[in-house]
Structures are given as C-alpha cells and as structure tokens.
Amino acid sequence: EDKAAVYAGMWLKMYDEYKKKVGLLTSGEIKDLLKKRNISQRQLSKLLSIGEKDITRYINGAIQSRIIDKMLRLVMDDEAYSRINILFLNNEIKQKRTLLK
C-alpha cells in the first residue's frame, strides 16, 4: 500500500473521530445514508441544494457545518425524507412547466 493511501486513511480516521466528538455525522454514516436512501451523491446534492463535490468532500473526511449536518440528518429520518422528497419533486415539476412555456 502506498504512503499517500496510508496517510489519507489516517486523516479520514482523525476527522471522523473529531466529527463523532462534536456530534456530526461521520464519513461512513454519510455513505450509509446514500445506501439507505438508494440515491447517488448527485441526487443528494440536488436534494439539499448543495454542490455534488461537497458531498464527495464530506465522504472523504471534510467537516460539514452544523446546518449541513442537520440537513443530512433530515434525509436520514423517514418522515422528514418523505416530505423533502415531495417538495423536491413538486419543485422539479414547476421548473419543467416553466421551461415548456
């Protein structure tokens, strides 16, 4: 295993330990969220109206803000996710209707 991969793994572990300590979702928990909802990073980024690269950064260890963390937790919650999804789909329909006019 090359040194860069070893160092990357060490950094990820340290960042995840920090995230746990301050009550933020870890990289693994964000990956689990994608699996639970069966959505891609792109779909999650659209749902939260944030950049797709931001999701990648959080999975790779970057520390998300508390606001982003709360938004991610809402997507984890079944009832909240249903409501968010309905709002998102309604917004997509409105945008498509506007484009067709």
PDB file of N, CA and C in Angstrom:
ATOM      1  N   GLU A   1       0.858  -1.192   0.000  1.00  0.00           N
ATOM      2  CA  GLU A   1       0.000   0.000   0.000  1.00  0.00           C
ATOM      3  C   GLU A   1       0.898   1.247   0.000  1.00  0.00           C
ATOM      4  N   ASP A   2       0.571   2.207  -0.845  1.00  0.00           N
ATOM      5  CA  ASP A   2       1.453   3.380  -0.921  1.00  0.00           C
ATOM      6  C   ASP A   2       1.216   4.349   0.240  1.00  0.00           C
ATOM      7  N   LYS A   3       2.203   5.183   0.481  1.00  0.00           N
ATOM      8  CA  LYS A   3       2.158   6.089   1.633  1.00  0.00           C
ATOM      9  C   LYS A   3       0.990   7.071   1.567  1.00  0.00           C
ATOM     10  N   ALA A   4       0.679   7.539   0.369  1.00  0.00           N
ATOM     11  CA  ALA A   4      -0.421   8.509   0.234  1.00  0.00           C
ATOM     12  C   ALA A   4      -1.738   7.908   0.714  1.00  0.00           C
ATOM     13  N   ALA A   5      -1.982   6.644   0.356  1.00  0.00           N
ATOM     14  CA  ALA A   5      -3.223   5.982   0.776  1.00  0.00           C
ATOM     15  C   ALA A   5      -3.242   5.784   2.289  1.00  0.00           C
ATOM     16  N   VAL A   6      -2.086   5.453   2.850  1.00  0.00           N
ATOM     17  CA  VAL A   6      -1.995   5.262   4.305  1.00  0.00           C
ATOM     18  C   VAL A   6      -2.290   6.574   5.019  1.00  0.00           C
ATOM     19  N   TYR A   7      -1.667   7.660   4.540  1.00  0.00           N
ATOM     20  CA  TYR A   7      -1.892   8.970   5.157  1.00  0.00           C
ATOM     21  C   TYR A   7      -3.344   9.415   5.001  1.00  0.00           C
ATOM     22  N   ALA A   8      -3.926   9.170   3.829  1.00  0.00           N
ATOM     23  CA  ALA A   8      -5.329   9.543   3.602  1.00  0.00           C
ATOM     24  C   ALA A   8      -6.232   8.803   4.589  1.00  0.00           C
ATOM     25  N   GLY A   9      -5.965   7.530   4.791  1.00  0.00           N
ATOM     26  CA  GLY A   9      -6.741   6.751   5.741  1.00  0.00           C
ATOM     27  C   GLY A   9      -6.598   7.262   7.163  1.00  0.00           C
ATOM     28  N   MET A  10      -5.372   7.666   7.514  1.00  0.00           N
ATOM     29  CA  MET A  10      -5.133   8.207   8.860  1.00  0.00           C
ATOM     30  C   MET A  10      -5.889   9.514   9.056  1.00  0.00           C
ATOM     31  N   TRP A  11      -5.862  10.382   8.038  1.00  0.00           N
ATOM     32  CA  TRP A  11      -6.569  11.660   8.137  1.00  0.00           C
ATOM     33  C   TRP A  11      -8.066  11.445   8.260  1.00  0.00           C
ATOM     34  N   LEU A  12      -8.592  10.515   7.445  1.00  0.00           N
ATOM     35  CA  LEU A  12     -10.018  10.238   7.482  1.00  0.00           C
ATOM     36  C   LEU A  12     -10.427   9.758   8.874  1.00  0.00           C
ATOM     37  N   LYS A  13      -9.633   8.885   9.443  1.00  0.00           N
ATOM     38  CA  LYS A  13      -9.928   8.376  10.779  1.00  0.00           C
ATOM     39  C   LYS A  13      -9.921   9.511  11.813  1.00  0.00           C
ATOM     40  N   MET A  14      -8.944  10.400  11.713  1.00  0.00           N
ATOM     41  CA  MET A  14      -8.868  11.525  12.661  1.00  0.00           C
ATOM     42  C   MET A  14     -10.059  12.462  12.504  1.00  0.00           C
ATOM     43  N   TYR A  15     -10.406  12.762  11.247  1.00  0.00           N
ATOM     44  CA  TYR A  15     -11.556  13.646  11.017  1.00  0.00           C
ATOM     45  C   TYR A  15     -12.843  13.010  11.532  1.00  0.00           C
ATOM     46  N   ASP A  16     -13.000  11.695  11.294  1.00  0.00           N
ATOM     47  CA  ASP A  16     -14.206  11.027  11.766  1.00  0.00           C
ATOM     48  C   ASP A  16     -14.265  10.987  13.294  1.00  0.00           C
ATOM     49  N   GLU A  17     -13.139  10.829  13.940  1.00  0.00           N
ATOM     50  CA  GLU A  17     -13.115  10.871  15.408  1.00  0.00           C
ATOM     51  C   GLU A  17     -13.541  12.249  15.907  1.00  0.00           C
ATOM     52  N   TYR A  18     -13.055  13.292  15.231  1.00  0.00           N
ATOM     53  CA  TYR A  18     -13.455  14.654  15.595  1.00  0.00           C
ATOM     54  C   TYR A  18     -14.959  14.839  15.383  1.00  0.00           C
ATOM     55  N   LYS A  19     -15.450  14.378  14.224  1.00  0.00           N
ATOM     56  CA  LYS A  19     -16.882  14.521  13.930  1.00  0.00           C
ATOM     57  C   LYS A  19     -17.731  13.854  15.015  1.00  0.00           C
ATOM     58  N   LYS A  20     -17.336  12.647  15.427  1.00  0.00           N
ATOM     59  CA  LYS A  20     -18.066  11.948  16.491  1.00  0.00           C
ATOM     60  C   LYS A  20     -18.049  12.762  17.776  1.00  0.00           C
ATOM     61  N   LYS A  21     -16.882  13.301  18.084  1.00  0.00           N
ATOM     62  CA  LYS A  21     -16.719  14.045  19.339  1.00  0.00           C
ATOM     63  C   LYS A  21     -17.624  15.265  19.400  1.00  0.00           C
ATOM     64  N   VAL A  22     -17.803  15.941  18.268  1.00  0.00           N
ATOM     65  CA  VAL A  22     -18.625  17.160  18.258  1.00  0.00           C
ATOM     66  C   VAL A  22     -20.066  16.905  17.799  1.00  0.00           C
ATOM     67  N   GLY A  23     -20.404  15.623  17.557  1.00  0.00           N
ATOM     68  CA  GLY A  23     -21.788  15.287  17.237  1.00  0.00           C
ATOM     69  C   GLY A  23     -22.187  15.440  15.791  1.00  0.00           C
ATOM     70  N   LEU A  24     -21.231  15.330  14.870  1.00  0.00           N
ATOM     71  CA  LEU A  24     -21.535  15.391  13.441  1.00  0.00           C
ATOM     72  C   LEU A  24     -21.530  13.986  12.853  1.00  0.00           C
ATOM     73  N   LEU A  25     -22.242  13.806  11.753  1.00  0.00           N
ATOM     74  CA  LEU A  25     -22.220  12.527  11.059  1.00  0.00           C
ATOM     75  C   LEU A  25     -20.822  12.250  10.528  1.00  0.00           C
ATOM     76  N   THR A  26     -20.385  11.003  10.634  1.00  0.00           N
ATOM     77  CA  THR A  26     -19.071  10.617  10.110  1.00  0.00           C
ATOM     78  C   THR A  26     -19.177  10.330   8.613  1.00  0.00           C
ATOM     79  N   SER A  27     -18.023  10.172   7.993  1.00  0.00           N
ATOM     80  CA  SER A  27     -17.983   9.834   6.566  1.00  0.00           C
ATOM     81  C   SER A  27     -18.748   8.549   6.294  1.00  0.00           C
ATOM     82  N   GLY A  28     -18.540   7.548   7.139  1.00  0.00           N
ATOM     83  CA  GLY A  28     -19.236   6.272   6.975  1.00  0.00           C
ATOM     84  C   GLY A  28     -20.740   6.412   7.116  1.00  0.00           C
ATOM     85  N   GLU A  29     -21.180   7.255   8.028  1.00  0.00           N
ATOM     86  CA  GLU A  29     -22.623   7.467   8.217  1.00  0.00           C
ATOM     87  C   GLU A  29     -23.231   8.165   7.006  1.00  0.00           C
ATOM     88  N   ILE A  30     -22.478   9.047   6.368  1.00  0.00           N
ATOM     89  CA  ILE A  30     -22.983   9.707   5.157  1.00  0.00           C
ATOM     90  C   ILE A  30     -23.071   8.688   4.018  1.00  0.00           C
ATOM     91  N   LYS A  31     -22.074   7.805   3.919  1.00  0.00           N
ATOM     92  CA  LYS A  31     -22.138   6.723   2.922  1.00  0.00           C
ATOM     93  C   LYS A  31     -23.344   5.834   3.189  1.00  0.00           C
ATOM     94  N   ASP A  32     -23.574   5.508   4.460  1.00  0.00           N
ATOM     95  CA  ASP A  32     -24.731   4.681   4.838  1.00  0.00           C
ATOM     96  C   ASP A  32     -26.045   5.357   4.458  1.00  0.00           C
ATOM     97  N   LEU A  33     -26.095   6.677   4.584  1.00  0.00           N
ATOM     98  CA  LEU A  33     -27.278   7.442   4.203  1.00  0.00           C
ATOM     99  C   LEU A  33     -27.577   7.249   2.716  1.00  0.00           C
ATOM    100  N   LEU A  34     -26.540   7.326   1.884  1.00  0.00           N
ATOM    101  CA  LEU A  34     -26.730   7.119   0.444  1.00  0.00           C
ATOM    102  C   LEU A  34     -27.273   5.725   0.160  1.00  0.00           C
ATOM    103  N   LYS A  35     -26.741   4.735   0.865  1.00  0.00           N
ATOM    104  CA  LYS A  35     -27.210   3.355   0.678  1.00  0.00           C
ATOM    105  C   LYS A  35     -28.649   3.203   1.170  1.00  0.00           C
ATOM    106  N   LYS A  36     -28.930   3.772   2.345  1.00  0.00           N
ATOM    107  CA  LYS A  36     -30.276   3.659   2.929  1.00  0.00           C
ATOM    108  C   LYS A  36     -31.335   4.230   1.980  1.00  0.00           C
ATOM    109  N   ARG A  37     -31.038   5.363   1.398  1.00  0.00           N
ATOM    110  CA  ARG A  37     -31.993   6.032   0.514  1.00  0.00           C
ATOM    111  C   ARG A  37     -31.867   5.586  -0.937  1.00  0.00           C
ATOM    112  N   ASN A  38     -30.822   4.773  -1.217  1.00  0.00           N
ATOM    113  CA  ASN A  38     -30.568   4.301  -2.577  1.00  0.00           C
ATOM    114  C   ASN A  38     -30.484   5.471  -3.562  1.00  0.00           C
ATOM    115  N   ILE A  39     -29.701   6.462  -3.178  1.00  0.00           N
ATOM    116  CA  ILE A  39     -29.505   7.641  -4.027  1.00  0.00           C
ATOM    117  C   ILE A  39     -28.016   7.870  -4.245  1.00  0.00           C
ATOM    118  N   SER A  40     -27.709   8.582  -5.302  1.00  0.00           N
ATOM    119  CA  SER A  40     -26.323   8.904  -5.625  1.00  0.00           C
ATOM    120  C   SER A  40     -25.908  10.200  -4.917  1.00  0.00           C
ATOM    121  N   GLN A  41     -24.631  10.469  -4.961  1.00  0.00           N
ATOM    122  CA  GLN A  41     -24.134  11.731  -4.405  1.00  0.00           C
ATOM    123  C   GLN A  41     -24.767  12.908  -5.137  1.00  0.00           C
ATOM    124  N   ARG A  42     -24.922  12.771  -6.433  1.00  0.00           N
ATOM    125  CA  ARG A  42     -25.539  13.840  -7.233  1.00  0.00           C
ATOM    126  C   ARG A  42     -26.978  14.081  -6.788  1.00  0.00           C
ATOM    127  N   GLN A  43     -27.747  13.007  -6.597  1.00  0.00           N
ATOM    128  CA  GLN A  43     -29.138  13.153  -6.166  1.00  0.00           C
ATOM    129  C   GLN A  43     -29.231  13.799  -4.791  1.00  0.00           C
ATOM    130  N   LEU A  44     -28.341  13.395  -3.887  1.00  0.00           N
ATOM    131  CA  LEU A  44     -28.338  14.000  -2.551  1.00  0.00           C
ATOM    132  C   LEU A  44     -27.981  15.477  -2.625  1.00  0.00           C
ATOM    133  N   SER A  45     -27.018  15.809  -3.458  1.00  0.00           N
ATOM    134  CA  SER A  45     -26.621  17.222  -3.564  1.00  0.00           C
ATOM    135  C   SER A  45     -27.761  18.072  -4.121  1.00  0.00           C
ATOM    136  N   LYS A  46     -28.497  17.538  -5.082  1.00  0.00           N
ATOM    137  CA  LYS A  46     -29.645  18.269  -5.622  1.00  0.00           C
ATOM    138  C   LYS A  46     -30.736  18.419  -4.569  1.00  0.00           C
ATOM    139  N   LEU A  47     -30.965  17.349  -3.844  1.00  0.00           N
ATOM    140  CA  LEU A  47     -31.994  17.361  -2.812  1.00  0.00           C
ATOM    141  C   LEU A  47     -31.702  18.422  -1.755  1.00  0.00           C
ATOM    142  N   LEU A  48     -30.423  18.585  -1.403  1.00  0.00           N
ATOM    143  CA  LEU A  48     -30.025  19.543  -0.374  1.00  0.00           C
ATOM    144  C   LEU A  48     -29.634  20.906  -0.934  1.00  0.00           C
ATOM    145  N   SER A  49     -29.640  21.024  -2.254  1.00  0.00           N
ATOM    146  CA  SER A  49     -29.231  22.270  -2.929  1.00  0.00           C
ATOM    147  C   SER A  49     -27.811  22.687  -2.540  1.00  0.00           C
ATOM    148  N   ILE A  50     -26.929  21.703  -2.563  1.00  0.00           N
ATOM    149  CA  ILE A  50     -25.506  21.976  -2.351  1.00  0.00           C
ATOM    150  C   ILE A  50     -24.721  21.314  -3.477  1.00  0.00           C
ATOM    151  N   GLY A  51     -23.448  21.641  -3.579  1.00  0.00           N
ATOM    152  CA  GLY A  51     -22.633  21.095  -4.653  1.00  0.00           C
ATOM    153  C   GLY A  51     -22.364  19.605  -4.491  1.00  0.00           C
ATOM    154  N   GLU A  52     -22.316  18.911  -5.626  1.00  0.00           N
ATOM    155  CA  GLU A  52     -22.017  17.483  -5.611  1.00  0.00           C
ATOM    156  C   GLU A  52     -20.625  17.228  -5.029  1.00  0.00           C
ATOM    157  N   LYS A  53     -19.690  18.118  -5.324  1.00  0.00           N
ATOM    158  CA  LYS A  53     -18.334  17.952  -4.795  1.00  0.00           C
ATOM    159  C   LYS A  53     -18.301  18.110  -3.281  1.00  0.00           C
ATOM    160  N   ASP A  54     -19.243  18.867  -2.734  1.00  0.00           N
ATOM    161  CA  ASP A  54     -19.318  18.994  -1.274  1.00  0.00           C
ATOM    162  C   ASP A  54     -19.620  17.642  -0.641  1.00  0.00           C
ATOM    163  N   ILE A  55     -20.554  16.902  -1.234  1.00  0.00           N
ATOM    164  CA  ILE A  55     -20.880  15.574  -0.713  1.00  0.00           C
ATOM    165  C   ILE A  55     -19.638  14.686  -0.762  1.00  0.00           C
ATOM    166  N   THR A  56     -18.940  14.723  -1.880  1.00  0.00           N
ATOM    167  CA  THR A  56     -17.702  13.935  -2.025  1.00  0.00           C
ATOM    168  C   THR A  56     -16.703  14.321  -0.947  1.00  0.00           C
ATOM    169  N   ARG A  57     -16.570  15.607  -0.695  1.00  0.00           N
ATOM    170  CA  ARG A  57     -15.625  16.071   0.335  1.00  0.00           C
ATOM    171  C   ARG A  57     -16.015  15.553   1.719  1.00  0.00           C
ATOM    172  N   TYR A  58     -17.293  15.580   2.040  1.00  0.00           N
ATOM    173  CA  TYR A  58     -17.738  15.098   3.353  1.00  0.00           C
ATOM    174  C   TYR A  58     -17.482  13.597   3.500  1.00  0.00           C
ATOM    175  N   ILE A  59     -17.685  12.859   2.425  1.00  0.00           N
ATOM    176  CA  ILE A  59     -17.420  11.417   2.454  1.00  0.00           C
ATOM    177  C   ILE A  59     -15.918  11.153   2.590  1.00  0.00           C
ATOM    178  N   ASN A  60     -15.125  12.026   2.021  1.00  0.00           N
ATOM    179  CA  ASN A  60     -13.670  11.863   2.079  1.00  0.00           C
ATOM    180  C   ASN A  60     -13.053  12.475   3.334  1.00  0.00           C
ATOM    181  N   GLY A  61     -13.886  13.000   4.233  1.00  0.00           N
ATOM    182  CA  GLY A  61     -13.383  13.454   5.518  1.00  0.00           C
ATOM    183  C   GLY A  61     -13.571  14.917   5.854  1.00  0.00           C
ATOM    184  N   ALA A  62     -13.917  15.757   4.869  1.00  0.00           N
ATOM    185  CA  ALA A  62     -14.115  17.172   5.177  1.00  0.00           C
ATOM    186  C   ALA A  62     -15.209  17.318   6.232  1.00  0.00           C
ATOM    187  N   ILE A  63     -15.071  18.319   7.054  1.00  0.00           N
ATOM    188  CA  ILE A  63     -16.015  18.512   8.164  1.00  0.00           C
ATOM    189  C   ILE A  63     -17.147  19.433   7.717  1.00  0.00           C
ATOM    190  N   GLN A  64     -18.346  18.894   7.728  1.00  0.00           N
ATOM    191  CA  GLN A  64     -19.521  19.654   7.324  1.00  0.00           C
ATOM    192  C   GLN A  64     -19.950  20.609   8.437  1.00  0.00           C
ATOM    193  N   SER A  65     -20.625  21.665   8.030  1.00  0.00           N
ATOM    194  CA  SER A  65     -21.170  22.601   9.018  1.00  0.00           C
ATOM    195  C   SER A  65     -22.324  21.941   9.764  1.00  0.00           C
ATOM    196  N   ARG A  66     -22.712  22.548  10.864  1.00  0.00           N
ATOM    197  CA  ARG A  66     -23.844  22.008  11.637  1.00  0.00           C
ATOM    198  C   ARG A  66     -25.141  22.064  10.830  1.00  0.00           C
ATOM    199  N   ILE A  67     -25.290  23.103  10.021  1.00  0.00           N
ATOM    200  CA  ILE A  67     -26.502  23.225   9.190  1.00  0.00           C
ATOM    201  C   ILE A  67     -26.571  22.083   8.179  1.00  0.00           C
ATOM    202  N   ILE A  68     -25.465  21.818   7.504  1.00  0.00           N
ATOM    203  CA  ILE A  68     -25.426  20.708   6.540  1.00  0.00           C
ATOM    204  C   ILE A  68     -25.676  19.395   7.265  1.00  0.00           C
ATOM    205  N   ASP A  69     -25.087  19.238   8.431  1.00  0.00           N
ATOM    206  CA  ASP A  69     -25.282  18.018   9.211  1.00  0.00           C
ATOM    207  C   ASP A  69     -26.764  17.830   9.550  1.00  0.00           C
ATOM    208  N   LYS A  70     -27.430  18.907   9.941  1.00  0.00           N
ATOM    209  CA  LYS A  70     -28.866  18.811  10.248  1.00  0.00           C
ATOM    210  C   LYS A  70     -29.667  18.429   9.005  1.00  0.00           C
ATOM    211  N   MET A  71     -29.282  18.983   7.861  1.00  0.00           N
ATOM    212  CA  MET A  71     -29.969  18.644   6.616  1.00  0.00           C
ATOM    213  C   MET A  71     -29.759  17.164   6.270  1.00  0.00           C
ATOM    214  N   LEU A  72     -28.539  16.672   6.450  1.00  0.00           N
ATOM    215  CA  LEU A  72     -28.261  15.254   6.203  1.00  0.00           C
ATOM    216  C   LEU A  72     -29.086  14.375   7.134  1.00  0.00           C
ATOM    217  N   ARG A  73     -29.197  14.790   8.382  1.00  0.00           N
ATOM    218  CA  ARG A  73     -29.987  14.013   9.351  1.00  0.00           C
ATOM    219  C   ARG A  73     -31.471  13.995   8.991  1.00  0.00           C
ATOM    220  N   LEU A  74     -31.966  15.073   8.418  1.00  0.00           N
ATOM    221  CA  LEU A  74     -33.361  15.093   7.962  1.00  0.00           C
ATOM    222  C   LEU A  74     -33.585  14.069   6.854  1.00  0.00           C
ATOM    223  N   VAL A  75     -32.599  13.934   5.971  1.00  0.00           N
ATOM    224  CA  VAL A  75     -32.713  12.949   4.895  1.00  0.00           C
ATOM    225  C   VAL A  75     -32.687  11.536   5.470  1.00  0.00           C
ATOM    226  N   MET A  76     -32.001  11.344   6.597  1.00  0.00           N
ATOM    227  CA  MET A  76     -31.952  10.027   7.253  1.00  0.00           C
ATOM    228  C   MET A  76     -33.300   9.665   7.881  1.00  0.00           C
ATOM    229  N   ASP A  77     -34.033  10.677   8.343  1.00  0.00           N
ATOM    230  CA  ASP A  77     -35.313  10.461   9.016  1.00  0.00           C
ATOM    231  C   ASP A  77     -36.395  10.136   7.980  1.00  0.00           C
ATOM    232  N   ASP A  78     -37.083   9.006   8.159  1.00  0.00           N
ATOM    233  CA  ASP A  78     -38.053   8.542   7.164  1.00  0.00           C
ATOM    234  C   ASP A  78     -39.170   9.542   6.888  1.00  0.00           C
ATOM    235  N   GLU A  79     -39.775  10.075   7.935  1.00  0.00           N
ATOM    236  CA  GLU A  79     -40.889  11.013   7.745  1.00  0.00           C
ATOM    237  C   GLU A  79     -40.410  12.308   7.085  1.00  0.00           C
ATOM    238  N   ALA A  80     -39.315  12.838   7.574  1.00  0.00           N
ATOM    239  CA  ALA A  80     -38.786  14.079   7.001  1.00  0.00           C
ATOM    240  C   ALA A  80     -38.368  13.865   5.547  1.00  0.00           C
ATOM    241  N   TYR A  81     -37.764  12.715   5.265  1.00  0.00           N
ATOM    242  CA  TYR A  81     -37.327  12.420   3.896  1.00  0.00           C
ATOM    243  C   TYR A  81     -38.508  12.390   2.938  1.00  0.00           C
ATOM    244  N   SER A  82     -39.602  11.796   3.362  1.00  0.00           N
ATOM    245  CA  SER A  82     -40.798  11.748   2.516  1.00  0.00           C
ATOM    246  C   SER A  82     -41.270  13.157   2.178  1.00  0.00           C
ATOM    247  N   ARG A  83     -41.295  14.005   3.168  1.00  0.00           N
ATOM    248  CA  ARG A  83     -41.746  15.394   2.947  1.00  0.00           C
ATOM    249  C   ARG A  83     -40.777  16.159   2.057  1.00  0.00           C
ATOM    250  N   ILE A  84     -39.472  15.983   2.305  1.00  0.00           N
ATOM    251  CA  ILE A  84     -38.459  16.658   1.481  1.00  0.00           C
ATOM    252  C   ILE A  84     -38.576  16.199   0.038  1.00  0.00           C
ATOM    253  N   ASN A  85     -38.751  14.905  -0.148  1.00  0.00           N
ATOM    254  CA  ASN A  85     -38.854  14.344  -1.491  1.00  0.00           C
ATOM    255  C   ASN A  85     -40.057  14.903  -2.237  1.00  0.00           C
ATOM    256  N   ILE A  86     -41.189  15.009  -1.557  1.00  0.00           N
ATOM    257  CA  ILE A  86     -42.396  15.563  -2.180  1.00  0.00           C
ATOM    258  C   ILE A  86     -42.156  17.017  -2.591  1.00  0.00           C
ATOM    259  N   LEU A  87     -41.566  17.807  -1.700  1.00  0.00           N
ATOM    260  CA  LEU A  87     -41.270  19.203  -2.035  1.00  0.00           C
ATOM    261  C   LEU A  87     -40.309  19.302  -3.213  1.00  0.00           C
ATOM    262  N   PHE A  88     -39.296  18.452  -3.205  1.00  0.00           N
ATOM    263  CA  PHE A  88     -38.312  18.450  -4.279  1.00  0.00           C
ATOM    264  C   PHE A  88     -38.962  18.103  -5.615  1.00  0.00           C
ATOM    265  N   LEU A  89     -39.795  17.056  -5.622  1.00  0.00           N
ATOM    266  CA  LEU A  89     -40.450  16.643  -6.862  1.00  0.00           C
ATOM    267  C   LEU A  89     -41.416  17.715  -7.362  1.00  0.00           C
ATOM    268  N   ASN A  90     -42.153  18.339  -6.451  1.00  0.00           N
ATOM    269  CA  ASN A  90     -43.055  19.425  -6.848  1.00  0.00           C
ATOM    270  C   ASN A  90     -42.291  20.581  -7.476  1.00  0.00           C
ATOM    271  N   ASN A  91     -41.147  20.907  -6.900  1.00  0.00           N
ATOM    272  CA  ASN A  91     -40.313  21.980  -7.433  1.00  0.00           C
ATOM    273  C   ASN A  91     -39.787  21.617  -8.823  1.00  0.00           C
ATOM    274  N   GLU A  92     -39.364  20.372  -9.008  1.00  0.00           N
ATOM    275  CA  GLU A  92     -38.871  19.918 -10.320  1.00  0.00           C
ATOM    276  C   GLU A  92     -39.978  20.030 -11.371  1.00  0.00           C
ATOM    277  N   ILE A  93     -41.194  19.655 -11.004  1.00  0.00           N
ATOM    278  CA  ILE A  93     -42.324  19.728 -11.935  1.00  0.00           C
ATOM    279  C   ILE A  93     -42.586  21.178 -12.324  1.00  0.00           C
ATOM    280  N   LYS A  94     -42.569  22.085 -11.339  1.00  0.00           N
ATOM    281  CA  LYS A  94     -42.786  23.508 -11.625  1.00  0.00           C
ATOM    282  C   LYS A  94     -41.716  24.047 -12.561  1.00  0.00           C
ATOM    283  N   GLN A  95     -40.456  23.649 -12.338  1.00  0.00           N
ATOM    284  CA  GLN A  95     -39.371  24.121 -13.196  1.00  0.00           C
ATOM    285  C   GLN A  95     -39.542  23.621 -14.626  1.00  0.00           C
ATOM    286  N   LYS A  96     -39.946  22.386 -14.786  1.00  0.00           N
ATOM    287  CA  LYS A  96     -40.141  21.827 -16.129  1.00  0.00           C
ATOM    288  C   LYS A  96     -41.303  22.507 -16.835  1.00  0.00           C
ATOM    289  N   ARG A  97     -42.368  22.808 -16.091  1.00  0.00           N
ATOM    290  CA  ARG A  97     -43.518  23.519 -16.697  1.00  0.00           C
ATOM    291  C   ARG A  97     -43.092  24.904 -17.170  1.00  0.00           C
ATOM    292  N   THR A  98     -42.265  25.566 -16.396  1.00  0.00           N
ATOM    293  CA  THR A  98     -41.781  26.889 -16.754  1.00  0.00           C
ATOM    294  C   THR A  98     -40.944  26.810 -18.032  1.00  0.00           C
ATOM    295  N   LEU A  99     -40.123  25.800 -18.161  1.00  0.00           N
ATOM    296  CA  LEU A  99     -39.299  25.632 -19.348  1.00  0.00           C
ATOM    297  C   LEU A  99     -40.121  25.335 -20.586  1.00  0.00           C
ATOM    298  N   LEU A 100     -41.254  24.661 -20.414  1.00  0.00           N
ATOM    299  CA  LEU A 100     -42.092  24.294 -21.548  1.00  0.00           C
ATOM    300  C   LEU A 100     -42.950  25.454 -22.048  1.00  0.00           C
ATOM    301  N   LYS A 101     -43.100  26.490 -21.262  1.00  0.00           N
ATOM    302  CA  LYS A 101     -43.937  27.625 -21.676  1.00  0.00           C
ATOM    303  C   LYS A 101     -43.273  28.426 -22.759  1.00  0.00           C
TER     304      LYS A 101
END
